[in-house]
Amino acid sequence: MRAPGWLTARPVAHRGLHDAARGIIENMPAAVAAAIEGNFAIEVDLQLTADGEAMVHHDDALGRLTEGSGPLLGKTTAELRAIQFRDTSERMMSLGDLCALVDGRVPLVIEVKSHFDGDRKLVARMAQVLAGYSGQAAVMSFDPDQVLALRETIPDRPRGIIAQANYDDAYWYKLTPEQRRGMLHLRHAFRTRPHFVAFWVNQLPAAAPWIARHVFGLPLLAWTVRTAEQRKRAERYADQIIFEGFAP
């Protein structure tokens, strides 16, 4: 299976077409609706709940953008649906809610957020929901184990690996050195068999995505493009952008 043309046919709105100045917050229904209106593909993040649901949210815990606090893994779907985004009347969506809202009008690019603990329940729930969705949807993760789970569980959906040139910053210290080494240079690709790569725009060009794109023919998405300089870099080294903060 090769990545479909629709994956790179239009820019991808990072967490929807959000604009906090207008009260449109990332990953909430209004951000999705704005991206649809702009005819952009939509990138969203999925987190697992205590009762096995896939909810559209970036952070592992509540509080940055929402009311409440605590990890999503410790809360049920019903509890999360009751929590509002701060200063809005909107509430968190499940993957099923998202699919119903988009209804195939634009492509979805769905990131599986991972705790890097080998738990596949989120991918299993995604597979259940996406089995009933006829729209265009690609799936991806930073975690090679989750990409392997996507390969085994949802083989008919385009899957990608999100990557960067190194994993030396504090965010990645939660992983073991072996896990970080396993993510370098896309060295897991013969096991995970991604159909596309999403790479940090600030670290382009880099050898691994160049080889993936030019030798193996994998489309390259550049994330997250926010400035004119980053957009020029992406235009030179990638096939499409995952963007925020402006409308291409």
Protein backbone atom coordinates (compact mmCIF):
# COMPACT_ATOMS: atom_id res chain seq x y z
CA MET A 1 0.00 0.00 0.00
CA ARG A 2 1.26 3.47 -0.94
CA ALA A 3 0.16 6.67 0.75
CA PRO A 4 -2.85 8.10 -1.11
CA GLY A 5 -2.65 11.38 -2.99
CA TRP A 6 -5.19 13.03 -0.71
CA LEU A 7 -2.71 12.92 2.17
CA THR A 8 -0.62 15.72 0.66
CA ALA A 9 -3.23 17.40 -1.54
CA ARG A 10 -3.97 20.22 0.91
CA PRO A 11 -2.38 21.80 4.00
CA VAL A 12 -3.14 20.13 7.33
CA ALA A 13 -4.49 22.30 10.15
CA HIS A 14 -2.63 21.42 13.36
CA ARG A 15 -5.22 20.49 16.00
CA GLY A 16 -7.82 22.10 13.78
CA LEU A 17 -7.92 25.71 12.59
CA HIS A 18 -7.74 27.18 16.07
CA ASP A 19 -7.47 30.84 17.02
CA ALA A 20 -7.53 31.63 20.73
CA ALA A 21 -8.15 35.32 20.02
CA ARG A 22 -11.50 34.31 18.52
CA GLY A 23 -12.22 31.79 21.26
CA ILE A 24 -11.45 28.80 19.03
CA ILE A 25 -9.25 26.40 20.98
CA GLU A 26 -7.17 23.54 19.60
CA ASN A 27 -8.83 20.13 19.17
CA MET A 28 -12.30 21.43 20.05
CA PRO A 29 -15.33 21.23 17.74
CA ALA A 30 -15.10 24.87 16.59
CA ALA A 31 -11.49 24.34 15.45
CA VAL A 32 -12.59 21.33 13.42
CA ALA A 33 -15.51 23.26 11.92
CA ALA A 34 -13.21 26.16 10.97
CA ALA A 35 -10.80 23.80 9.20
CA ILE A 36 -13.66 22.23 7.27
CA GLU A 37 -14.86 25.69 6.22
CA GLY A 38 -11.34 26.50 5.04
CA ASN A 39 -11.12 23.17 3.16
CA PHE A 40 -8.04 22.07 5.08
CA ALA A 41 -7.18 18.57 6.23
CA ILE A 42 -7.28 18.27 10.02
CA GLU A 43 -4.66 16.90 12.41
CA VAL A 44 -5.94 15.88 15.84
CA ASP A 45 -4.58 14.05 18.89
CA LEU A 46 -6.16 11.09 20.66
CA GLN A 47 -5.85 10.16 24.33
CA LEU A 48 -7.13 7.05 26.10
CA THR A 49 -9.66 7.26 28.96
CA ALA A 50 -10.06 5.07 32.03
CA ASP A 51 -12.89 3.19 30.33
CA GLY A 52 -11.13 2.67 27.00
CA GLU A 53 -12.53 5.50 24.90
CA ALA A 54 -10.50 7.55 22.40
CA MET A 55 -10.89 11.25 23.20
CA VAL A 56 -9.66 14.18 21.11
CA HIS A 57 -7.14 15.98 23.30
CA HIS A 58 -3.42 16.70 23.10
CA ASP A 59 -2.26 16.81 26.71
CA ASP A 60 -2.07 13.79 28.98
CA ALA A 61 -3.74 15.82 31.71
CA LEU A 62 -6.48 18.42 32.07
CA GLY A 63 -5.86 22.02 33.02
CA ARG A 64 -3.87 23.81 30.32
CA LEU A 65 -6.91 24.57 28.15
CA THR A 66 -9.77 23.02 30.09
CA GLU A 67 -11.43 23.22 33.43
CA GLY A 68 -10.43 20.54 35.93
CA SER A 69 -7.17 18.73 36.54
CA GLY A 70 -5.69 15.25 36.57
CA PRO A 71 -4.64 12.70 33.94
CA LEU A 72 -7.12 11.67 31.26
CA LEU A 73 -6.26 8.02 31.94
CA GLY A 74 -7.80 8.44 35.38
CA LYS A 75 -11.14 9.74 34.11
CA THR A 76 -14.08 8.12 32.36
CA THR A 77 -15.62 9.24 29.09
CA ALA A 78 -18.62 10.68 30.92
CA GLU A 79 -16.38 12.69 33.23
CA LEU A 80 -14.39 14.12 30.33
CA ARG A 81 -17.49 14.99 28.31
CA ALA A 82 -18.65 17.10 31.26
CA ILE A 83 -15.47 19.23 31.27
CA GLN A 84 -15.51 22.50 29.32
CA PHE A 85 -12.73 24.18 27.45
CA ARG A 86 -11.87 27.29 29.43
CA ASP A 87 -13.82 30.44 28.50
CA THR A 88 -15.97 28.53 26.00
CA SER A 89 -19.13 26.46 26.09
CA GLU A 90 -17.50 23.59 24.19
CA ARG A 91 -16.60 20.17 25.52
CA MET A 92 -14.20 17.41 24.62
CA MET A 93 -15.02 15.12 21.68
CA SER A 94 -14.55 11.41 21.28
CA LEU A 95 -13.15 10.02 18.02
CA GLY A 96 -16.69 8.98 17.14
CA ASP A 97 -17.90 12.55 17.70
CA LEU A 98 -15.10 13.83 15.48
CA CYS A 99 -15.94 11.44 12.66
CA ALA A 100 -19.61 12.41 12.83
CA LEU A 101 -18.70 16.10 12.71
CA VAL A 102 -16.27 15.81 9.79
CA ASP A 103 -18.40 13.26 7.91
CA GLY A 104 -15.81 12.74 5.18
CA ARG A 105 -15.72 16.37 4.05
CA VAL A 106 -11.95 16.74 4.55
CA PRO A 107 -9.19 14.26 5.41
CA LEU A 108 -8.23 13.49 8.99
CA VAL A 109 -4.64 12.94 10.17
CA ILE A 110 -4.94 11.33 13.61
CA GLU A 111 -2.08 11.16 16.10
CA VAL A 112 -2.04 8.36 18.65
CA LYS A 113 -0.65 9.83 21.87
CA SER A 114 1.39 7.26 23.74
CA HIS A 115 2.66 6.61 27.25
CA PHE A 116 5.34 4.37 25.69
CA ASP A 117 4.24 1.48 27.87
CA GLY A 118 3.15 -0.97 25.16
CA ASP A 119 -0.57 -0.49 25.87
CA ARG A 120 -2.56 -0.97 22.66
CA LYS A 121 -6.04 -0.17 23.96
CA LEU A 122 -6.17 3.20 22.24
CA VAL A 123 -5.33 1.70 18.84
CA ALA A 124 -7.89 -1.05 19.42
CA ARG A 125 -10.60 1.54 20.12
CA MET A 126 -9.53 3.58 17.08
CA ALA A 127 -9.87 0.48 14.93
CA GLN A 128 -13.43 -0.06 16.16
CA VAL A 129 -14.48 3.51 15.41
CA LEU A 130 -12.68 3.88 12.09
CA ALA A 131 -14.11 0.57 10.84
CA GLY A 132 -17.42 2.40 10.54
CA TYR A 133 -15.97 5.58 9.00
CA SER A 134 -15.85 5.85 5.21
CA GLY A 135 -14.00 9.18 5.12
CA GLN A 136 -10.32 9.71 4.42
CA ALA A 137 -8.26 9.21 7.57
CA ALA A 138 -4.57 8.61 8.15
CA VAL A 139 -3.09 7.51 11.50
CA MET A 140 0.32 8.16 13.04
CA SER A 141 2.37 8.23 16.24
CA PHE A 142 5.79 9.10 17.63
CA ASP A 143 5.88 5.68 19.30
CA PRO A 144 7.15 2.92 16.97
CA ASP A 145 5.26 0.33 19.04
CA GLN A 146 1.99 2.16 18.36
CA VAL A 147 2.80 2.41 14.65
CA LEU A 148 3.38 -1.35 14.67
CA ALA A 149 0.01 -1.77 16.40
CA LEU A 150 -1.56 0.39 13.69
CA ARG A 151 0.07 -1.79 11.04
CA GLU A 152 -1.34 -4.95 12.63
CA THR A 153 -4.76 -3.60 13.66
CA ILE A 154 -5.69 -1.04 10.98
CA PRO A 155 -3.65 -2.18 7.96
CA ASP A 156 -6.00 -0.56 5.44
CA ARG A 157 -5.49 2.97 6.82
CA PRO A 158 -2.44 5.02 5.78
CA ARG A 159 -0.06 5.07 8.74
CA GLY A 160 2.86 7.30 9.51
CA ILE A 161 5.66 7.87 11.95
CA ILE A 162 6.17 11.27 13.56
CA ALA A 163 9.85 11.91 14.05
CA GLN A 164 12.66 14.35 14.68
CA ALA A 165 16.42 14.20 14.34
CA ASN A 166 17.09 13.70 18.07
CA TYR A 167 15.26 13.19 21.35
CA ASP A 168 17.56 15.02 23.73
CA ASP A 169 15.20 17.63 25.19
CA ALA A 170 13.54 17.27 28.59
CA TYR A 171 10.21 16.09 27.19
CA TRP A 172 11.79 12.79 26.13
CA TYR A 173 13.65 12.07 29.38
CA LYS A 174 10.66 9.98 30.50
CA LEU A 175 11.79 7.35 27.98
CA THR A 176 14.63 4.93 28.50
CA PRO A 177 17.84 5.44 26.52
CA GLU A 178 16.95 2.29 24.58
CA GLN A 179 13.56 3.70 23.62
CA ARG A 180 15.09 6.98 22.46
CA ARG A 181 17.74 5.18 20.42
CA GLY A 182 15.05 3.02 18.84
CA MET A 183 13.30 6.13 17.53
CA LEU A 184 16.38 7.65 15.89
CA HIS A 185 16.92 7.72 12.13
CA LEU A 186 13.64 5.86 11.42
CA ARG A 187 15.59 2.66 12.09
CA HIS A 188 12.35 0.87 13.03
CA ALA A 189 10.86 1.43 9.56
CA PHE A 190 11.36 -2.12 8.29
CA ARG A 191 9.29 -3.30 11.27
CA THR A 192 6.62 -0.60 11.35
CA ARG A 193 6.38 -0.11 7.54
CA PRO A 194 5.06 3.47 7.59
CA HIS A 195 3.37 4.88 4.50
CA PHE A 196 4.45 8.45 5.29
CA VAL A 197 6.69 10.46 7.61
CA ALA A 198 5.84 13.59 9.60
CA PHE A 199 9.07 15.38 10.57
CA TRP A 200 9.88 18.46 12.66
CA VAL A 201 10.29 21.32 10.20
CA ASN A 202 13.11 22.97 12.19
CA GLN A 203 15.29 19.88 11.67
CA LEU A 204 14.82 19.61 7.91
CA PRO A 205 16.76 18.66 5.90
CA ALA A 206 17.82 15.44 7.60
CA ALA A 207 19.18 12.18 6.23
CA ALA A 208 16.45 9.79 7.40
CA PRO A 209 13.43 11.67 6.00
CA TRP A 210 15.40 12.40 2.81
CA ILE A 211 15.99 8.67 2.29
CA ALA A 212 12.38 7.85 3.17
CA ARG A 213 11.12 10.39 0.66
CA HIS A 214 13.57 10.01 -2.23
CA VAL A 215 14.56 6.33 -1.99
CA PHE A 216 11.39 4.70 -0.65
CA GLY A 217 8.87 7.21 -2.01
CA LEU A 218 7.21 8.05 1.31
CA PRO A 219 5.44 11.43 1.41
CA LEU A 220 6.90 13.85 3.94
CA LEU A 221 4.77 16.17 6.07
CA ALA A 222 6.53 19.01 7.91
CA TRP A 223 5.32 19.96 11.40
CA THR A 224 4.53 22.40 12.90
CA VAL A 225 4.81 25.28 10.42
CA ARG A 226 4.09 28.65 12.07
CA THR A 227 6.37 31.18 10.34
CA ALA A 228 7.18 32.29 6.80
CA GLU A 229 10.71 30.92 7.21
CA GLN A 230 9.40 27.50 8.27
CA ARG A 231 6.99 27.51 5.33
CA LYS A 232 9.85 28.13 2.88
CA ARG A 233 11.84 25.33 4.47
CA ALA A 234 8.88 22.97 4.19
CA GLU A 235 8.26 23.90 0.57
CA ARG A 236 11.86 23.00 -0.21
CA TYR A 237 12.16 19.75 1.73
CA ALA A 238 8.64 18.32 2.26
CA ASP A 239 5.49 17.47 0.35
CA GLN A 240 2.97 19.23 2.60
CA ILE A 241 2.71 21.23 5.82
CA ILE A 242 1.02 20.73 9.16
CA PHE A 243 0.43 24.35 10.12
CA GLU A 244 -1.02 26.66 12.75
CA GLY A 245 -1.32 30.39 13.44
CA PHE A 246 -2.14 31.42 9.85
CA ALA A 247 -4.22 30.30 6.89
CA PRO A 248 -2.13 29.09 3.90
